[in-house]
Amino acid sequence: MAKLEFDKLIDAGAHFGHLKRKWNPAMAPYIFMERNGIHIIDLYKTIALAEGAGAALRQVAKSGRKILFVATKKQAKDVVATLAKDINMPYVTERWPGGMLTNFPTIRKAVKKMSTIDKMHKDGTFETLSKRERLQITRQREKLEKNLGSIQDLTRLPSALFVVDIMKETIAVREAQRLGIPVFALVDTNSDPNDVDFVIPANDDASDSIDAILGYICEEIKEGLQERKAEKGDAAEDAEDQDAAPKRERKGKATAKKAIAKEDQDAMNAAIASKVAKSEDEE
């Protein structure tokens, strides 16, 4: 079972907040102290809140729903892309396409455009186009892949959003709020935690801090996916047993009928043999 360790967070610098003059007063409950003009985050609260968020996301994954990861800042994008791919969850690490959630059908049309272009390559249609048209379509495909390739398997709205730096991803957070999608986020001391449903107070600028906390969250999600797989396997076995029971019963009846038939045949053969013997004696 995944565990978030205090020492690991210290080493990752997860406790370093922003300068005191840049703080958001709403973050006061999560601040341990101030040192050299920098706020220090209470990592015990970070661990407790991360465990709560991890448990909630684990249940989301267990139910078979999708979690969308959002992190477009340089320090976070590579970490988020790697971890999200590992658990097969959609993610956005390039520019957030406005209206991605609130205008989801339009985004899906753009994603389907990639599939249409891929189909053109497979059926040979692409080769019949002029060199200029092929170049335009290729560039369009590359642009779509860069911005939307990571959400190609997202066929419906996600059930949760995990955001790194809610100040930078303001549009994504607002769209989720508008649709009632719960937001999980790493929240630094310069942000407003009231915009988030599940707050994880931590340094959202250091890649090591992001990796440590997000790695724990993804482990929880992975365990939820494994539990779902195990339950589906058990359900399949139960269904197989239920299907096998009538077959076993029918097979048992057939075997019993054969045994009875054999007994009747043996009795008949014995009777015939007795009659033959009796007639021979009379002669």
C-alpha atoms as a PDB file:
ATOM      1  CA  MET A   1       0.000   0.000   0.000  1.00  0.00           C
ATOM      2  CA  ALA A   2       1.301   3.462  -0.969  1.00  0.00           C
ATOM      3  CA  LYS A   3       2.492   5.747   1.819  1.00  0.00           C
ATOM      4  CA  LEU A   4       3.534   9.407   1.852  1.00  0.00           C
ATOM      5  CA  GLU A   5       6.581   9.876   4.084  1.00  0.00           C
ATOM      6  CA  PHE A   6       7.394  13.079   5.975  1.00  0.00           C
ATOM      7  CA  ASP A   7      11.151  12.855   5.350  1.00  0.00           C
ATOM      8  CA  LYS A   8      10.600  12.362   1.636  1.00  0.00           C
ATOM      9  CA  LEU A   9       8.522  15.529   1.472  1.00  0.00           C
ATOM     10  CA  ILE A  10      11.196  17.459   3.382  1.00  0.00           C
ATOM     11  CA  ASP A  11      13.880  16.283   0.958  1.00  0.00           C
ATOM     12  CA  ALA A  12      11.657  17.256  -1.988  1.00  0.00           C
ATOM     13  CA  GLY A  13      11.174  20.768  -0.595  1.00  0.00           C
ATOM     14  CA  ALA A  14       7.398  20.369  -0.401  1.00  0.00           C
ATOM     15  CA  HIS A  15       7.304  22.549   2.734  1.00  0.00           C
ATOM     16  CA  PHE A  16       8.568  25.726   1.056  1.00  0.00           C
ATOM     17  CA  GLY A  17       5.809  28.210   0.342  1.00  0.00           C
ATOM     18  CA  HIS A  18       6.030  31.635  -1.309  1.00  0.00           C
ATOM     19  CA  LEU A  19       7.327  34.895   0.118  1.00  0.00           C
ATOM     20  CA  LYS A  20       5.244  36.210   2.983  1.00  0.00           C
ATOM     21  CA  ARG A  21       4.236  39.312   1.021  1.00  0.00           C
ATOM     22  CA  LYS A  22       2.773  37.120  -1.748  1.00  0.00           C
ATOM     23  CA  TRP A  23       0.649  34.906   0.461  1.00  0.00           C
ATOM     24  CA  ASN A  24      -3.108  34.391   0.330  1.00  0.00           C
ATOM     25  CA  PRO A  25      -4.606  34.764   3.858  1.00  0.00           C
ATOM     26  CA  ALA A  26      -6.997  31.889   3.126  1.00  0.00           C
ATOM     27  CA  MET A  27      -3.970  29.565   3.292  1.00  0.00           C
ATOM     28  CA  ALA A  28      -3.284  30.476   6.947  1.00  0.00           C
ATOM     29  CA  PRO A  29      -4.634  27.137   8.337  1.00  0.00           C
ATOM     30  CA  TYR A  30      -2.026  25.230   6.309  1.00  0.00           C
ATOM     31  CA  ILE A  31       1.019  27.355   7.229  1.00  0.00           C
ATOM     32  CA  PHE A  32       3.291  26.140  10.028  1.00  0.00           C
ATOM     33  CA  MET A  33       5.567  29.175  10.400  1.00  0.00           C
ATOM     34  CA  GLU A  34       7.439  31.937   8.613  1.00  0.00           C
ATOM     35  CA  ARG A  35      11.216  31.863   8.211  1.00  0.00           C
ATOM     36  CA  ASN A  36      13.403  34.429   6.448  1.00  0.00           C
ATOM     37  CA  GLY A  37      10.348  35.984   4.853  1.00  0.00           C
ATOM     38  CA  ILE A  38       9.120  32.630   3.440  1.00  0.00           C
ATOM     39  CA  HIS A  39       6.077  30.713   4.648  1.00  0.00           C
ATOM     40  CA  ILE A  40       6.646  27.098   5.699  1.00  0.00           C
ATOM     41  CA  ILE A  41       3.807  24.671   4.978  1.00  0.00           C
ATOM     42  CA  ASP A  42       2.634  22.255   7.681  1.00  0.00           C
ATOM     43  CA  LEU A  43       3.566  18.907   6.131  1.00  0.00           C
ATOM     44  CA  TYR A  44       1.557  16.900   8.661  1.00  0.00           C
ATOM     45  CA  LYS A  45      -1.551  18.521   7.227  1.00  0.00           C
ATOM     46  CA  THR A  46      -0.199  17.925   3.733  1.00  0.00           C
ATOM     47  CA  ILE A  47       0.104  14.197   4.436  1.00  0.00           C
ATOM     48  CA  ALA A  48      -3.342  13.948   6.051  1.00  0.00           C
ATOM     49  CA  LEU A  49      -5.056  15.829   3.215  1.00  0.00           C
ATOM     50  CA  ALA A  50      -3.122  13.910   0.537  1.00  0.00           C
ATOM     51  CA  GLU A  51      -4.271  10.624   2.078  1.00  0.00           C
ATOM     52  CA  GLY A  52      -7.877  11.826   2.022  1.00  0.00           C
ATOM     53  CA  ALA A  53      -7.578  12.944  -1.597  1.00  0.00           C
ATOM     54  CA  GLY A  54      -5.854   9.674  -2.529  1.00  0.00           C
ATOM     55  CA  ALA A  55      -8.634   7.608  -0.966  1.00  0.00           C
ATOM     56  CA  ALA A  56     -11.290   9.594  -2.855  1.00  0.00           C
ATOM     57  CA  LEU A  57      -9.478   9.257  -6.186  1.00  0.00           C
ATOM     58  CA  ARG A  58      -8.951   5.573  -5.524  1.00  0.00           C
ATOM     59  CA  GLN A  59     -12.723   5.131  -5.349  1.00  0.00           C
ATOM     60  CA  VAL A  60     -13.169   7.121  -8.565  1.00  0.00           C
ATOM     61  CA  ALA A  61     -10.709   4.836 -10.345  1.00  0.00           C
ATOM     62  CA  LYS A  62     -12.296   1.739  -8.810  1.00  0.00           C
ATOM     63  CA  SER A  63     -15.664   2.761 -10.258  1.00  0.00           C
ATOM     64  CA  GLY A  64     -14.127   2.871 -13.745  1.00  0.00           C
ATOM     65  CA  ARG A  65     -14.354   6.639 -14.213  1.00  0.00           C
ATOM     66  CA  LYS A  66     -11.654   8.927 -15.603  1.00  0.00           C
ATOM     67  CA  ILE A  67      -9.509  11.506 -13.785  1.00  0.00           C
ATOM     68  CA  LEU A  68      -8.101  14.361 -15.868  1.00  0.00           C
ATOM     69  CA  PHE A  69      -4.663  15.687 -14.837  1.00  0.00           C
ATOM     70  CA  VAL A  70      -3.872  19.308 -15.666  1.00  0.00           C
ATOM     71  CA  ALA A  71      -0.396  20.867 -15.415  1.00  0.00           C
ATOM     72  CA  THR A  72       0.927  23.207 -18.098  1.00  0.00           C
ATOM     73  CA  LYS A  73       3.799  24.783 -16.136  1.00  0.00           C
ATOM     74  CA  LYS A  74       7.309  23.782 -17.161  1.00  0.00           C
ATOM     75  CA  GLN A  75       8.267  22.193 -13.820  1.00  0.00           C
ATOM     76  CA  ALA A  76       5.217  19.924 -13.753  1.00  0.00           C
ATOM     77  CA  LYS A  77       4.335  18.931 -17.315  1.00  0.00           C
ATOM     78  CA  ASP A  78       6.890  16.126 -17.776  1.00  0.00           C
ATOM     79  CA  VAL A  79       6.203  14.644 -14.331  1.00  0.00           C
ATOM     80  CA  VAL A  80       2.443  14.705 -14.852  1.00  0.00           C
ATOM     81  CA  ALA A  81       2.656  13.256 -18.382  1.00  0.00           C
ATOM     82  CA  THR A  82       4.821  10.340 -17.223  1.00  0.00           C
ATOM     83  CA  LEU A  83       2.702   9.456 -14.186  1.00  0.00           C
ATOM     84  CA  ALA A  84      -0.650   9.872 -15.971  1.00  0.00           C
ATOM     85  CA  LYS A  85       0.480   7.642 -18.847  1.00  0.00           C
ATOM     86  CA  ASP A  86       1.523   4.976 -16.340  1.00  0.00           C
ATOM     87  CA  ILE A  87      -2.030   4.697 -15.009  1.00  0.00           C
ATOM     88  CA  ASN A  88      -3.684   5.264 -18.396  1.00  0.00           C
ATOM     89  CA  MET A  89      -5.432   8.500 -17.409  1.00  0.00           C
ATOM     90  CA  PRO A  90      -5.956  11.550 -19.661  1.00  0.00           C
ATOM     91  CA  TYR A  91      -3.875  14.661 -19.092  1.00  0.00           C
ATOM     92  CA  VAL A  92      -3.294  18.188 -20.397  1.00  0.00           C
ATOM     93  CA  THR A  93       0.267  19.484 -20.289  1.00  0.00           C
ATOM     94  CA  GLU A  94       0.161  21.941 -23.196  1.00  0.00           C
ATOM     95  CA  ARG A  95      -2.139  24.953 -23.435  1.00  0.00           C
ATOM     96  CA  TRP A  96      -5.553  24.382 -21.855  1.00  0.00           C
ATOM     97  CA  PRO A  97      -8.085  24.517 -24.712  1.00  0.00           C
ATOM     98  CA  GLY A  98     -10.781  26.939 -23.560  1.00  0.00           C
ATOM     99  CA  GLY A  99     -14.156  25.260 -23.286  1.00  0.00           C
ATOM    100  CA  MET A 100     -12.628  21.808 -23.077  1.00  0.00           C
ATOM    101  CA  LEU A 101     -15.130  20.831 -20.366  1.00  0.00           C
ATOM    102  CA  THR A 102     -17.979  23.295 -20.898  1.00  0.00           C
ATOM    103  CA  ASN A 103     -17.916  22.757 -24.676  1.00  0.00           C
ATOM    104  CA  PHE A 104     -16.799  19.135 -24.644  1.00  0.00           C
ATOM    105  CA  PRO A 105     -18.670  18.001 -27.825  1.00  0.00           C
ATOM    106  CA  THR A 106     -16.654  20.477 -29.921  1.00  0.00           C
ATOM    107  CA  ILE A 107     -13.399  19.199 -28.435  1.00  0.00           C
ATOM    108  CA  ARG A 108     -14.474  15.638 -29.231  1.00  0.00           C
ATOM    109  CA  LYS A 109     -15.014  16.638 -32.872  1.00  0.00           C
ATOM    110  CA  ALA A 110     -11.435  17.903 -33.006  1.00  0.00           C
ATOM    111  CA  VAL A 111     -10.210  14.629 -31.480  1.00  0.00           C
ATOM    112  CA  LYS A 112     -12.225  12.628 -34.020  1.00  0.00           C
ATOM    113  CA  LYS A 113     -10.542  14.663 -36.759  1.00  0.00           C
ATOM    114  CA  MET A 114      -7.283  12.903 -35.820  1.00  0.00           C
ATOM    115  CA  SER A 115      -8.956   9.523 -36.285  1.00  0.00           C
ATOM    116  CA  THR A 116     -10.286  10.622 -39.678  1.00  0.00           C
ATOM    117  CA  ILE A 117      -6.793  11.648 -40.813  1.00  0.00           C
ATOM    118  CA  ASP A 118      -5.364   8.331 -39.570  1.00  0.00           C
ATOM    119  CA  LYS A 119      -8.048   6.500 -41.533  1.00  0.00           C
ATOM    120  CA  MET A 120      -7.055   8.431 -44.679  1.00  0.00           C
ATOM    121  CA  HIS A 121      -3.513   7.085 -44.259  1.00  0.00           C
ATOM    122  CA  LYS A 122      -4.759   3.511 -43.880  1.00  0.00           C
ATOM    123  CA  ASP A 123      -7.208   3.396 -46.812  1.00  0.00           C
ATOM    124  CA  GLY A 124      -4.859   5.172 -49.251  1.00  0.00           C
ATOM    125  CA  THR A 125      -6.912   8.370 -49.593  1.00  0.00           C
ATOM    126  CA  PHE A 126      -3.990  10.419 -48.288  1.00  0.00           C
ATOM    127  CA  GLU A 127      -1.798   9.387 -51.247  1.00  0.00           C
ATOM    128  CA  THR A 128      -4.359  10.666 -53.787  1.00  0.00           C
ATOM    129  CA  LEU A 129      -4.091  14.236 -52.438  1.00  0.00           C
ATOM    130  CA  SER A 130      -1.756  16.862 -53.807  1.00  0.00           C
ATOM    131  CA  LYS A 131       1.579  17.513 -52.102  1.00  0.00           C
ATOM    132  CA  ARG A 132       0.283  20.817 -50.672  1.00  0.00           C
ATOM    133  CA  GLU A 133      -2.872  19.193 -49.247  1.00  0.00           C
ATOM    134  CA  ARG A 134      -0.850  16.380 -47.678  1.00  0.00           C
ATOM    135  CA  LEU A 135       1.440  18.896 -46.012  1.00  0.00           C
ATOM    136  CA  GLN A 136      -1.497  20.890 -44.619  1.00  0.00           C
ATOM    137  CA  ILE A 137      -3.200  17.782 -43.252  1.00  0.00           C
ATOM    138  CA  THR A 138       0.055  16.507 -41.734  1.00  0.00           C
ATOM    139  CA  ARG A 139       0.607  19.807 -39.942  1.00  0.00           C
ATOM    140  CA  GLN A 140      -2.992  19.815 -38.733  1.00  0.00           C
ATOM    141  CA  ARG A 141      -2.567  16.279 -37.394  1.00  0.00           C
ATOM    142  CA  GLU A 142       0.636  17.222 -35.559  1.00  0.00           C
ATOM    143  CA  LYS A 143      -1.025  20.249 -33.966  1.00  0.00           C
ATOM    144  CA  LEU A 144      -4.035  18.206 -32.840  1.00  0.00           C
ATOM    145  CA  GLU A 145      -1.744  15.494 -31.458  1.00  0.00           C
ATOM    146  CA  LYS A 146       0.253  18.038 -29.473  1.00  0.00           C
ATOM    147  CA  ASN A 147      -2.780  19.707 -27.898  1.00  0.00           C
ATOM    148  CA  LEU A 148      -5.344  16.899 -27.726  1.00  0.00           C
ATOM    149  CA  GLY A 149      -3.492  13.617 -28.233  1.00  0.00           C
ATOM    150  CA  SER A 150      -3.318  12.967 -24.488  1.00  0.00           C
ATOM    151  CA  ILE A 151      -7.134  13.096 -24.185  1.00  0.00           C
ATOM    152  CA  GLN A 152      -7.889  10.963 -27.236  1.00  0.00           C
ATOM    153  CA  ASP A 153      -9.417   8.219 -25.067  1.00  0.00           C
ATOM    154  CA  LEU A 154     -11.542  10.659 -23.045  1.00  0.00           C
ATOM    155  CA  THR A 155     -14.929   9.905 -24.607  1.00  0.00           C
ATOM    156  CA  ARG A 156     -16.967  11.650 -21.913  1.00  0.00           C
ATOM    157  CA  LEU A 157     -16.472  14.288 -19.237  1.00  0.00           C
ATOM    158  CA  PRO A 158     -14.011  13.277 -16.500  1.00  0.00           C
ATOM    159  CA  SER A 159     -15.310  12.538 -13.017  1.00  0.00           C
ATOM    160  CA  ALA A 160     -12.504  14.484 -11.337  1.00  0.00           C
ATOM    161  CA  LEU A 161      -9.778  17.017 -12.104  1.00  0.00           C
ATOM    162  CA  PHE A 162      -6.304  16.969 -10.565  1.00  0.00           C
ATOM    163  CA  VAL A 163      -4.578  20.326 -10.974  1.00  0.00           C
ATOM    164  CA  VAL A 164      -1.043  21.497 -10.278  1.00  0.00           C
ATOM    165  CA  ASP A 165      -1.009  25.269  -9.578  1.00  0.00           C
ATOM    166  CA  ILE A 166      -4.614  26.465  -9.546  1.00  0.00           C
ATOM    167  CA  MET A 167      -3.524  30.055 -10.229  1.00  0.00           C
ATOM    168  CA  LYS A 168      -2.064  29.093 -13.597  1.00  0.00           C
ATOM    169  CA  GLU A 169      -4.936  26.706 -14.414  1.00  0.00           C
ATOM    170  CA  THR A 170      -7.712  29.136 -13.439  1.00  0.00           C
ATOM    171  CA  ILE A 171      -9.790  28.466 -16.562  1.00  0.00           C
ATOM    172  CA  ALA A 172      -9.718  24.696 -16.043  1.00  0.00           C
ATOM    173  CA  VAL A 173     -10.767  25.082 -12.393  1.00  0.00           C
ATOM    174  CA  ARG A 174     -13.633  27.430 -13.285  1.00  0.00           C
ATOM    175  CA  GLU A 175     -14.946  25.093 -15.980  1.00  0.00           C
ATOM    176  CA  ALA A 176     -14.896  22.178 -13.537  1.00  0.00           C
ATOM    177  CA  GLN A 177     -16.710  24.256 -10.904  1.00  0.00           C
ATOM    178  CA  ARG A 178     -19.355  25.244 -13.424  1.00  0.00           C
ATOM    179  CA  LEU A 179     -20.052  21.600 -14.264  1.00  0.00           C
ATOM    180  CA  GLY A 180     -19.834  20.341 -10.680  1.00  0.00           C
ATOM    181  CA  ILE A 181     -16.707  18.268 -11.326  1.00  0.00           C
ATOM    182  CA  PRO A 182     -14.673  17.891  -8.090  1.00  0.00           C
ATOM    183  CA  VAL A 183     -11.229  19.514  -8.200  1.00  0.00           C
ATOM    184  CA  PHE A 184      -8.180  17.990  -6.468  1.00  0.00           C
ATOM    185  CA  ALA A 185      -5.103  20.202  -6.426  1.00  0.00           C
ATOM    186  CA  LEU A 186      -1.646  21.000  -5.127  1.00  0.00           C
ATOM    187  CA  VAL A 187      -2.176  24.415  -3.530  1.00  0.00           C
ATOM    188  CA  ASP A 188       0.711  26.741  -2.672  1.00  0.00           C
ATOM    189  CA  THR A 189       0.619  29.613  -0.156  1.00  0.00           C
ATOM    190  CA  ASN A 190      -0.167  32.208  -2.851  1.00  0.00           C
ATOM    191  CA  SER A 191      -3.415  30.495  -3.930  1.00  0.00           C
ATOM    192  CA  ASP A 192      -7.017  30.473  -2.726  1.00  0.00           C
ATOM    193  CA  PRO A 193      -7.906  26.993  -1.392  1.00  0.00           C
ATOM    194  CA  ASN A 194     -11.611  27.846  -1.447  1.00  0.00           C
ATOM    195  CA  ASP A 195     -11.620  27.197  -5.206  1.00  0.00           C
ATOM    196  CA  VAL A 196     -10.690  23.535  -4.638  1.00  0.00           C
ATOM    197  CA  ASP A 197     -12.726  20.620  -3.280  1.00  0.00           C
ATOM    198  CA  PHE A 198      -9.708  18.572  -2.101  1.00  0.00           C
ATOM    199  CA  VAL A 199      -6.751  20.743  -1.066  1.00  0.00           C
ATOM    200  CA  ILE A 200      -3.218  19.355  -0.806  1.00  0.00           C
ATOM    201  CA  PRO A 201      -1.055  22.213   0.560  1.00  0.00           C
ATOM    202  CA  ALA A 202       2.457  21.933  -0.890  1.00  0.00           C
ATOM    203  CA  ASN A 203       5.115  23.581  -2.990  1.00  0.00           C
ATOM    204  CA  ASP A 204       3.743  23.527  -6.542  1.00  0.00           C
ATOM    205  CA  ASP A 205       6.865  25.023  -8.164  1.00  0.00           C
ATOM    206  CA  ALA A 206       9.469  22.335  -7.384  1.00  0.00           C
ATOM    207  CA  SER A 207       9.410  19.294  -9.668  1.00  0.00           C
ATOM    208  CA  ASP A 208      10.592  17.023  -6.813  1.00  0.00           C
ATOM    209  CA  SER A 209       7.676  18.142  -4.636  1.00  0.00           C
ATOM    210  CA  ILE A 210       5.192  17.578  -7.454  1.00  0.00           C
ATOM    211  CA  ASP A 211       6.705  14.170  -8.219  1.00  0.00           C
ATOM    212  CA  ALA A 212       6.590  13.028  -4.574  1.00  0.00           C
ATOM    213  CA  ILE A 213       2.935  13.929  -3.982  1.00  0.00           C
ATOM    214  CA  LEU A 214       1.616  13.061  -7.415  1.00  0.00           C
ATOM    215  CA  GLY A 215       3.507   9.762  -7.329  1.00  0.00           C
ATOM    216  CA  TYR A 216       1.638   8.845  -4.137  1.00  0.00           C
ATOM    217  CA  ILE A 217      -1.703   9.914  -5.638  1.00  0.00           C
ATOM    218  CA  CYS A 218      -1.098   7.843  -8.769  1.00  0.00           C
ATOM    219  CA  GLU A 219      -0.197   4.798  -6.672  1.00  0.00           C
ATOM    220  CA  GLU A 220      -3.563   5.115  -4.915  1.00  0.00           C
ATOM    221  CA  ILE A 221      -5.311   5.367  -8.281  1.00  0.00           C
ATOM    222  CA  LYS A 222      -3.390   2.334  -9.550  1.00  0.00           C
ATOM    223  CA  GLU A 223      -4.543   0.302  -6.540  1.00  0.00           C
ATOM    224  CA  GLY A 224      -8.134   1.349  -7.249  1.00  0.00           C
ATOM    225  CA  LEU A 225      -7.766   0.135 -10.844  1.00  0.00           C
ATOM    226  CA  GLN A 226      -6.328  -3.177  -9.633  1.00  0.00           C
ATOM    227  CA  GLU A 227      -9.234  -3.637  -7.202  1.00  0.00           C
ATOM    228  CA  ARG A 228     -11.669  -3.006 -10.042  1.00  0.00           C
ATOM    229  CA  LYS A 229      -9.888  -5.574 -12.194  1.00  0.00           C
ATOM    230  CA  ALA A 230      -9.952  -8.124  -9.371  1.00  0.00           C
ATOM    231  CA  GLU A 231     -13.670  -7.564  -8.747  1.00  0.00           C
ATOM    232  CA  LYS A 232     -14.444  -7.964 -12.439  1.00  0.00           C
ATOM    233  CA  GLY A 233     -12.440 -11.197 -12.446  1.00  0.00           C
ATOM    234  CA  ASP A 234     -14.378 -12.518  -9.438  1.00  0.00           C
ATOM    235  CA  ALA A 235     -17.669 -11.529 -11.052  1.00  0.00           C
ATOM    236  CA  ALA A 236     -16.694 -13.375 -14.232  1.00  0.00           C
ATOM    237  CA  GLU A 237     -15.812 -16.499 -12.216  1.00  0.00           C
ATOM    238  CA  ASP A 238     -19.144 -16.330 -10.368  1.00  0.00           C
ATOM    239  CA  ALA A 239     -20.994 -16.014 -13.657  1.00  0.00           C
ATOM    240  CA  GLU A 240     -19.022 -18.950 -15.042  1.00  0.00           C
ATOM    241  CA  ASP A 241     -19.894 -21.037 -11.982  1.00  0.00           C
ATOM    242  CA  GLN A 242     -23.563 -20.144 -12.364  1.00  0.00           C
ATOM    243  CA  ASP A 243     -23.446 -21.185 -16.004  1.00  0.00           C
ATOM    244  CA  ALA A 244     -21.562 -24.365 -15.132  1.00  0.00           C
ATOM    245  CA  ALA A 245     -24.002 -25.455 -12.406  1.00  0.00           C
ATOM    246  CA  PRO A 246     -26.902 -26.293 -14.784  1.00  0.00           C
ATOM    247  CA  LYS A 247     -24.417 -28.047 -17.084  1.00  0.00           C
ATOM    248  CA  ARG A 248     -23.140 -30.169 -14.203  1.00  0.00           C
ATOM    249  CA  GLU A 249     -26.725 -30.955 -13.211  1.00  0.00           C
ATOM    250  CA  ARG A 250     -27.631 -31.980 -16.768  1.00  0.00           C
ATOM    251  CA  LYS A 251     -24.473 -34.069 -17.017  1.00  0.00           C
ATOM    252  CA  GLY A 252     -25.305 -35.772 -13.698  1.00  0.00           C
ATOM    253  CA  LYS A 253     -28.816 -36.590 -14.870  1.00  0.00           C
ATOM    254  CA  ALA A 254     -27.491 -37.980 -18.125  1.00  0.00           C
ATOM    255  CA  THR A 255     -24.989 -40.151 -16.250  1.00  0.00           C
ATOM    256  CA  ALA A 256     -27.752 -41.402 -13.946  1.00  0.00           C
ATOM    257  CA  LYS A 257     -29.959 -42.249 -16.911  1.00  0.00           C
ATOM    258  CA  LYS A 258     -27.113 -44.175 -18.500  1.00  0.00           C
ATOM    259  CA  ALA A 259     -26.537 -46.093 -15.251  1.00  0.00           C
ATOM    260  CA  ILE A 260     -30.252 -46.941 -14.981  1.00  0.00           C
ATOM    261  CA  ALA A 261     -30.336 -47.981 -18.620  1.00  0.00           C
ATOM    262  CA  LYS A 262     -27.307 -50.185 -18.074  1.00  0.00           C
ATOM    263  CA  GLU A 263     -28.939 -51.813 -15.031  1.00  0.00           C
ATOM    264  CA  ASP A 264     -32.109 -52.457 -17.042  1.00  0.00           C
ATOM    265  CA  GLN A 265     -30.072 -53.939 -19.885  1.00  0.00           C
ATOM    266  CA  ASP A 266     -28.163 -56.182 -17.478  1.00  0.00           C
ATOM    267  CA  ALA A 267     -31.409 -57.335 -15.900  1.00  0.00           C
ATOM    268  CA  MET A 268     -32.874 -58.050 -19.332  1.00  0.00           C
ATOM    269  CA  ASN A 269     -29.796 -59.993 -20.388  1.00  0.00           C
ATOM    270  CA  ALA A 270     -29.957 -62.024 -17.171  1.00  0.00           C
ATOM    271  CA  ALA A 271     -33.650 -62.822 -17.776  1.00  0.00           C
ATOM    272  CA  ILE A 272     -32.953 -63.948 -21.341  1.00  0.00           C
ATOM    273  CA  ALA A 273     -30.043 -66.075 -20.205  1.00  0.00           C
ATOM    274  CA  SER A 274     -32.282 -67.667 -17.534  1.00  0.00           C
ATOM    275  CA  LYS A 275     -34.983 -68.490 -20.063  1.00  0.00           C
ATOM    276  CA  VAL A 276     -32.478 -70.000 -22.479  1.00  0.00           C
ATOM    277  CA  ALA A 277     -30.981 -72.136 -19.719  1.00  0.00           C
ATOM    278  CA  LYS A 278     -34.467 -73.273 -18.630  1.00  0.00           C
ATOM    279  CA  SER A 279     -35.467 -74.265 -22.165  1.00  0.00           C
ATOM    280  CA  GLU A 280     -32.236 -76.237 -22.585  1.00  0.00           C
ATOM    281  CA  ASP A 281     -32.961 -78.135 -19.353  1.00  0.00           C
ATOM    282  CA  GLU A 282     -36.488 -79.016 -20.525  1.00  0.00           C
ATOM    283  CA  GLU A 283     -35.093 -80.431 -23.734  1.00  0.00           C
END
